[in-house]
Amino acid sequence: MTRTGCRNDNAGGIFHLCARGNNRSTIFRDGRDYAVAKWLVNRMVQRHRLGLYAWAFMGNHLHLVVESGGALERPVQGLLRTFAWFFNRNHCRTGHVFGGRYLSKKCVDATQVRRYIAYCSFNPIKHGFSGRVGEYPWTSHQDLTGRRRPIIPLERERVLKLFRELDPDPIRGLETYVENWSRSESSEWDEEFESVPESRRQAAPGTDLSAAPGDESVLSRSTQFDQPLEMNDVPLDVIAQIVCESFGVPVESLAGPGRVGAVGVARATYCRLSYEWARHPLEPIAASIGRGRAAAWRWAVQSVRPDRDRQIVDAIRRHVRSSTQRAVGHPADLHLGR
């Protein structure tokens, strides 16, 4: 029997889409999961020529506000199916990742579009991930307000045009609208989908798990990608130099044939920091290591060592600071040892 009444996204328009983990389980366990989701959403938007207005990755579910000229079922199912494949592979598990089909709600007017854009920004506060709007890094709020370079390409001008109707300064209009947004405005559909028991809430990235409510086994998560670092102006050659010095390998080895040992770890660290933290596009990263785009992405999402990554990032910051001051950095600042 054909299923009816589940979705109305076949005729095109602007839609608020949601997908939640099976049995409300966590679907973003570590940095690899966020990286995979970012890459897949970006691929979906470009491949199917969609307009992305807002997004949020919330531990056990995700939100997207997208504009489409046709049916969304195939693009979204491809996104969720591929994410589930990567998730099971990365975490050595089998079975369903998402709890049923994705949910969608069509926006009938500009007011409802603004409402769901604000909903994505407000969602971390609603679920206890953060106390202020814009603190949680895995939403589009900082991208829309211009506080960082967009992690995923957005229809930012269209979004700001919507909020320019409320305030001559669209960014101020967006922030005011989100600040004034209250949970009572959410629809019954949102309440049914979003309600999460207090004991099953996810800890905000970077928080002390011992202070979080509920079962620690439910709250445990990796925190190495707690906040994308502002390294947009750091060139790839600087990242490569410091990464290679930290592992004691020559810079030329990044483009060499080695895949294991110090060279392989250095290459993975270089790709990860360049893509995840410095937010360089994959194409120049791939060219710098003499590989294709897909190979560079696979290196970027490999297992990580947060302590070493943070040491290298600190060294990069010291290098940038000393370069800005036109001073010669001390070699000891750049050598981290094996």
Protein backbone atom coordinates (compact mmCIF):
# COMPACT_ATOMS: atom_id res chain seq x y z
CA MET A 1 0.00 0.00 0.00
CA THR A 2 1.31 3.45 -0.89
CA ARG A 3 2.17 5.65 2.06
CA THR A 4 0.38 8.99 1.93
CA GLY A 5 0.30 12.12 4.02
CA CYS A 6 3.93 11.80 5.17
CA ARG A 7 5.46 14.66 3.18
CA ASN A 8 4.50 17.37 0.72
CA ASP A 9 7.89 18.16 -0.82
CA ASN A 10 7.22 16.99 -4.39
CA ALA A 11 6.06 20.31 -5.85
CA GLY A 12 9.05 22.46 -4.90
CA GLY A 13 9.32 25.40 -2.54
CA ILE A 14 11.11 26.11 0.74
CA PHE A 15 11.08 23.30 3.30
CA HIS A 16 12.19 22.66 6.84
CA LEU A 17 13.66 19.13 6.92
CA CYS A 18 14.49 17.04 9.96
CA ALA A 19 16.01 13.60 10.49
CA ARG A 20 16.63 12.00 13.88
CA GLY A 21 18.72 9.06 15.05
CA ASN A 22 17.08 5.70 15.54
CA ASN A 23 15.61 5.47 19.07
CA ARG A 24 16.84 9.05 19.51
CA SER A 25 20.43 7.85 19.62
CA THR A 26 23.42 10.07 18.87
CA ILE A 27 24.33 10.46 15.21
CA PHE A 28 27.18 12.96 15.76
CA ARG A 29 29.68 11.16 17.98
CA ASP A 30 32.91 12.82 16.90
CA GLY A 31 34.49 15.17 14.40
CA ARG A 32 34.31 12.65 11.58
CA ASP A 33 30.52 12.60 11.76
CA TYR A 34 30.30 16.39 11.54
CA ALA A 35 32.77 16.37 8.63
CA VAL A 36 30.78 13.73 6.75
CA ALA A 37 27.51 15.61 7.30
CA LYS A 38 29.02 18.89 6.09
CA TRP A 39 30.44 17.26 2.99
CA LEU A 40 27.24 15.41 2.15
CA VAL A 41 24.97 18.44 2.62
CA ASN A 42 27.32 20.51 0.46
CA ARG A 43 27.32 17.80 -2.21
CA MET A 44 23.53 17.50 -2.11
CA VAL A 45 23.05 21.25 -2.48
CA GLN A 46 25.43 21.53 -5.42
CA ARG A 47 24.44 18.33 -7.22
CA HIS A 48 20.70 18.99 -7.09
CA ARG A 49 20.92 22.80 -7.31
CA LEU A 50 19.19 23.45 -4.03
CA GLY A 51 19.25 26.64 -2.02
CA LEU A 52 20.34 26.18 1.59
CA TYR A 53 18.93 28.80 3.96
CA ALA A 54 19.88 27.35 7.36
CA TRP A 55 21.13 24.16 9.01
CA ALA A 56 21.85 22.68 12.44
CA PHE A 57 23.56 19.47 13.59
CA MET A 58 22.21 18.69 17.04
CA GLY A 59 23.76 15.53 18.43
CA ASN A 60 20.91 13.12 17.73
CA HIS A 61 19.20 14.94 14.86
CA LEU A 62 19.75 17.50 12.12
CA HIS A 63 17.78 20.37 10.58
CA LEU A 64 17.92 21.81 7.09
CA VAL A 65 15.98 24.70 5.56
CA VAL A 66 16.27 24.29 1.79
CA GLU A 67 14.67 25.63 -1.37
CA SER A 68 14.00 23.26 -4.24
CA GLY A 69 12.44 23.55 -7.65
CA GLY A 70 11.28 19.93 -7.59
CA ALA A 71 10.99 16.83 -5.45
CA LEU A 72 13.32 16.55 -2.46
CA GLU A 73 12.81 12.89 -1.68
CA ARG A 74 15.69 11.54 -3.78
CA PRO A 75 18.32 14.13 -2.68
CA VAL A 76 17.51 13.80 1.04
CA GLN A 77 17.31 10.02 0.97
CA GLY A 78 20.71 9.95 -0.75
CA LEU A 79 22.13 12.24 1.95
CA LEU A 80 20.80 10.12 4.82
CA ARG A 81 21.66 6.79 3.23
CA THR A 82 25.28 7.82 2.57
CA PHE A 83 25.65 9.33 6.03
CA ALA A 84 24.37 6.10 7.58
CA TRP A 85 26.90 4.08 5.57
CA PHE A 86 29.79 6.26 6.75
CA PHE A 87 28.48 6.32 10.33
CA ASN A 88 28.29 2.52 10.57
CA ARG A 89 31.72 2.17 9.00
CA ASN A 90 33.37 4.78 11.23
CA HIS A 91 31.90 3.36 14.44
CA CYS A 92 32.08 -0.36 13.61
CA ARG A 93 28.34 -0.93 13.85
CA THR A 94 25.45 -2.21 11.75
CA GLY A 95 21.76 -1.54 11.51
CA HIS A 96 19.57 1.52 11.12
CA VAL A 97 21.02 4.94 11.93
CA PHE A 98 17.92 7.08 11.43
CA GLY A 99 14.56 6.43 13.03
CA GLY A 100 12.21 6.20 10.07
CA ARG A 101 11.77 8.54 7.13
CA TYR A 102 12.82 12.16 7.27
CA LEU A 103 10.18 14.76 8.12
CA SER A 104 9.46 17.90 6.12
CA LYS A 105 7.25 20.94 6.45
CA LYS A 106 6.67 23.41 3.63
CA CYS A 107 7.00 27.10 4.38
CA VAL A 108 3.92 28.87 3.07
CA ASP A 109 5.13 32.46 3.41
CA ALA A 110 8.14 34.61 4.33
CA THR A 111 7.14 34.67 7.99
CA GLN A 112 7.38 30.91 8.23
CA VAL A 113 10.74 30.89 6.41
CA ARG A 114 12.12 33.38 8.94
CA ARG A 115 10.68 31.31 11.73
CA TYR A 116 12.48 28.11 10.70
CA ILE A 117 15.75 29.92 10.04
CA ALA A 118 15.54 31.29 13.57
CA TYR A 119 14.55 27.85 14.82
CA CYS A 120 17.84 26.39 13.58
CA SER A 121 19.75 29.10 15.43
CA PHE A 122 17.69 28.74 18.61
CA ASN A 123 17.75 24.93 18.69
CA PRO A 124 21.01 24.60 20.72
CA ILE A 125 19.49 26.73 23.49
CA LYS A 126 16.28 24.73 23.40
CA HIS A 127 18.16 21.48 23.98
CA GLY A 128 20.64 22.82 26.50
CA PHE A 129 23.71 22.78 24.24
CA SER A 130 24.50 26.43 24.92
CA GLY A 131 23.18 29.40 26.84
CA ARG A 132 23.41 32.07 24.15
CA VAL A 133 22.58 32.30 20.47
CA GLY A 134 25.64 31.79 18.31
CA GLU A 135 27.75 29.95 20.89
CA TYR A 136 27.12 26.50 19.46
CA PRO A 137 29.33 26.08 16.37
CA TRP A 138 27.33 23.49 14.44
CA THR A 139 24.54 25.75 13.19
CA SER A 140 24.41 28.28 10.37
CA HIS A 141 23.90 31.28 12.67
CA GLN A 142 27.53 32.44 12.65
CA ASP A 143 27.65 31.99 8.87
CA LEU A 144 24.53 34.09 8.33
CA THR A 145 25.70 36.90 10.61
CA GLY A 146 29.14 37.03 8.97
CA ARG A 147 31.11 36.00 12.06
CA ARG A 148 32.92 33.29 10.10
CA ARG A 149 33.36 32.04 6.59
CA PRO A 150 30.44 29.69 5.81
CA ILE A 151 31.15 26.06 6.63
CA ILE A 152 28.50 25.06 4.09
CA PRO A 153 27.52 27.40 1.19
CA LEU A 154 24.35 29.30 2.04
CA GLU A 155 21.87 31.55 0.26
CA ARG A 156 22.97 34.29 2.64
CA GLU A 157 21.77 37.24 0.55
CA ARG A 158 18.29 35.76 0.23
CA VAL A 159 18.15 35.17 3.97
CA LEU A 160 19.27 38.71 4.76
CA LYS A 161 16.69 40.06 2.31
CA LEU A 162 13.99 38.33 4.36
CA PHE A 163 15.15 40.02 7.55
CA ARG A 164 15.70 43.38 5.85
CA GLU A 165 11.90 43.59 5.77
CA LEU A 166 12.00 43.72 9.59
CA ASP A 167 15.02 45.99 10.07
CA PRO A 168 17.13 48.17 7.74
CA ASP A 169 20.13 46.31 9.15
CA PRO A 170 19.35 42.68 8.19
CA ILE A 171 21.95 41.14 10.51
CA ARG A 172 20.55 43.07 13.45
CA GLY A 173 17.07 42.06 12.34
CA LEU A 174 18.10 38.39 12.24
CA GLU A 175 19.74 38.47 15.67
CA THR A 176 16.80 40.33 17.21
CA TYR A 177 14.34 37.90 15.69
CA VAL A 178 16.26 34.90 17.02
CA GLU A 179 16.67 36.46 20.48
CA ASN A 180 12.91 37.09 20.65
CA TRP A 181 12.07 33.63 19.40
CA SER A 182 10.39 31.54 22.08
CA ARG A 183 9.69 27.85 22.35
CA SER A 184 5.98 28.52 22.58
CA GLU A 185 6.06 29.51 18.91
CA SER A 186 7.09 26.03 17.77
CA SER A 187 4.41 23.96 16.10
CA GLU A 188 2.95 20.72 17.37
CA TRP A 189 4.94 18.92 14.67
CA ASP A 190 8.16 20.42 16.10
CA GLU A 191 7.22 19.48 19.65
CA GLU A 192 6.51 15.88 18.67
CA PHE A 193 9.78 15.58 16.80
CA GLU A 194 12.08 17.58 19.05
CA SER A 195 11.03 16.56 22.58
CA VAL A 196 13.96 14.75 24.18
CA PRO A 197 13.93 13.46 27.77
CA GLU A 198 16.31 15.31 30.08
CA SER A 199 18.29 12.12 30.69
CA ARG A 200 18.93 11.66 26.95
CA ARG A 201 20.06 15.17 26.08
CA GLN A 202 23.47 15.57 24.53
CA ALA A 203 26.20 17.57 26.18
CA ALA A 204 27.28 20.62 24.26
CA PRO A 205 30.67 20.10 22.63
CA GLY A 206 33.46 21.19 24.94
CA THR A 207 31.42 20.93 28.15
CA ASP A 208 32.45 19.02 31.23
CA LEU A 209 30.61 15.69 30.99
CA SER A 210 30.84 15.13 34.73
CA ALA A 211 28.60 18.16 35.22
CA ALA A 212 26.08 17.17 32.56
CA PRO A 213 22.74 15.66 33.59
CA GLY A 214 21.83 12.08 32.85
CA ASP A 215 23.77 8.93 32.07
CA GLU A 216 27.41 9.61 31.16
CA SER A 217 27.37 6.71 28.69
CA VAL A 218 24.70 8.59 26.76
CA LEU A 219 26.50 11.91 27.03
CA SER A 220 30.00 10.76 26.15
CA ARG A 221 31.28 12.27 22.94
CA SER A 222 34.47 13.48 21.32
CA THR A 223 35.26 17.16 21.82
CA GLN A 224 38.20 17.66 19.48
CA PHE A 225 36.07 19.65 17.01
CA ASP A 226 34.25 21.63 19.68
CA GLN A 227 34.62 24.97 17.90
CA PRO A 228 35.92 25.60 14.38
CA LEU A 229 39.03 27.71 14.77
CA GLU A 230 39.39 31.05 13.05
CA MET A 231 42.37 30.29 10.82
CA ASN A 232 40.91 31.45 7.50
CA ASP A 233 43.99 33.46 6.53
CA VAL A 234 46.60 30.80 7.27
CA PRO A 235 48.07 29.59 3.96
CA LEU A 236 48.45 25.91 3.24
CA ASP A 237 52.24 26.06 3.08
CA VAL A 238 52.40 27.36 6.66
CA ILE A 239 50.16 24.55 7.89
CA ALA A 240 52.22 22.00 5.96
CA GLN A 241 55.51 23.38 7.36
CA ILE A 242 54.43 23.25 10.98
CA VAL A 243 52.70 19.87 10.68
CA CYS A 244 55.77 18.32 9.06
CA GLU A 245 58.10 19.83 11.65
CA SER A 246 55.94 18.43 14.42
CA PHE A 247 56.24 14.90 13.00
CA GLY A 248 59.85 15.24 11.89
CA VAL A 249 59.22 14.62 8.19
CA PRO A 250 60.06 16.81 5.15
CA VAL A 251 57.31 18.87 3.58
CA GLU A 252 57.92 17.13 0.26
CA SER A 253 56.85 13.82 1.80
CA LEU A 254 53.21 14.98 1.93
CA ALA A 255 53.04 14.50 -1.83
CA GLY A 256 55.06 11.29 -1.72
CA PRO A 257 53.88 7.68 -1.89
CA GLY A 258 53.98 6.88 1.84
CA ARG A 259 50.70 5.96 3.50
CA VAL A 260 51.77 4.64 6.90
CA GLY A 261 54.07 5.77 9.69
CA ALA A 262 54.91 9.39 10.40
CA VAL A 263 54.34 10.46 6.79
CA GLY A 264 50.83 9.06 6.69
CA VAL A 265 49.90 10.59 10.04
CA ALA A 266 51.39 13.94 9.00
CA ARG A 267 49.44 13.91 5.74
CA ALA A 268 46.17 13.09 7.53
CA THR A 269 46.80 15.83 10.11
CA TYR A 270 47.63 18.35 7.38
CA CYS A 271 44.45 17.55 5.44
CA ARG A 272 42.32 17.58 8.58
CA LEU A 273 43.57 20.92 9.90
CA SER A 274 43.48 22.54 6.46
CA TYR A 275 39.93 21.38 5.76
CA GLU A 276 38.26 21.21 9.17
CA TRP A 277 39.85 24.14 10.97
CA ALA A 278 41.40 26.44 8.38
CA ARG A 279 38.44 25.68 6.08
CA HIS A 280 40.40 25.61 2.86
CA PRO A 281 38.57 24.02 -0.12
CA LEU A 282 39.43 20.42 -0.86
CA GLU A 283 40.76 21.15 -4.36
CA PRO A 284 43.93 23.08 -3.32
CA ILE A 285 44.53 20.67 -0.45
CA ALA A 286 44.36 17.74 -2.87
CA ALA A 287 46.70 19.49 -5.32
CA SER A 288 49.26 20.18 -2.59
CA ILE A 289 49.54 16.48 -1.71
CA GLY A 290 49.36 15.24 -5.29
CA ARG A 291 46.07 13.40 -4.80
CA GLY A 292 42.49 13.69 -5.97
CA ARG A 293 39.72 15.48 -4.12
CA ALA A 294 38.19 12.25 -2.79
CA ALA A 295 41.55 11.06 -1.45
CA ALA A 296 42.13 14.38 0.33
CA TRP A 297 38.72 14.13 1.94
CA ARG A 298 39.41 10.58 3.15
CA TRP A 299 42.64 11.78 4.77
CA ALA A 300 40.78 14.71 6.37
CA VAL A 301 38.20 12.55 8.15
CA GLN A 302 40.53 9.88 9.49
CA SER A 303 40.82 9.21 13.22
CA VAL A 304 42.26 12.11 15.17
CA ARG A 305 44.42 12.82 18.20
CA PRO A 306 42.90 15.93 19.79
CA ASP A 307 45.88 16.62 22.06
CA ARG A 308 48.39 16.67 19.19
CA ASP A 309 46.04 18.63 16.94
CA ARG A 310 45.69 21.31 19.56
CA GLN A 311 49.45 21.50 20.02
CA ILE A 312 49.90 22.01 16.30
CA VAL A 313 47.15 24.64 16.18
CA ASP A 314 48.82 26.49 19.05
CA ALA A 315 52.10 26.41 17.13
CA ILE A 316 50.37 27.77 14.02
CA ARG A 317 48.86 30.58 16.04
CA ARG A 318 52.26 31.47 17.49
CA HIS A 319 53.73 31.43 14.00
CA VAL A 320 50.98 33.70 12.64
CA ARG A 321 51.33 36.04 15.60
CA SER A 322 55.08 36.30 15.20
CA SER A 323 54.73 36.85 11.44
CA THR A 324 52.22 39.62 12.04
CA GLN A 325 54.64 41.29 14.41
CA ARG A 326 57.44 40.80 11.83
CA ALA A 327 59.49 38.92 14.38
CA VAL A 328 61.45 35.73 13.92
CA GLY A 329 59.73 32.83 15.69
CA HIS A 330 61.81 30.61 17.96
CA PRO A 331 62.34 27.15 16.42
CA ALA A 332 61.37 25.53 19.70
CA ASP A 333 57.86 26.91 19.29
CA LEU A 334 57.41 24.95 16.10
CA HIS A 335 59.01 21.64 17.04
CA LEU A 336 56.62 19.42 18.95
CA GLY A 337 58.54 16.18 18.81
CA ARG A 338 57.29 12.76 17.86
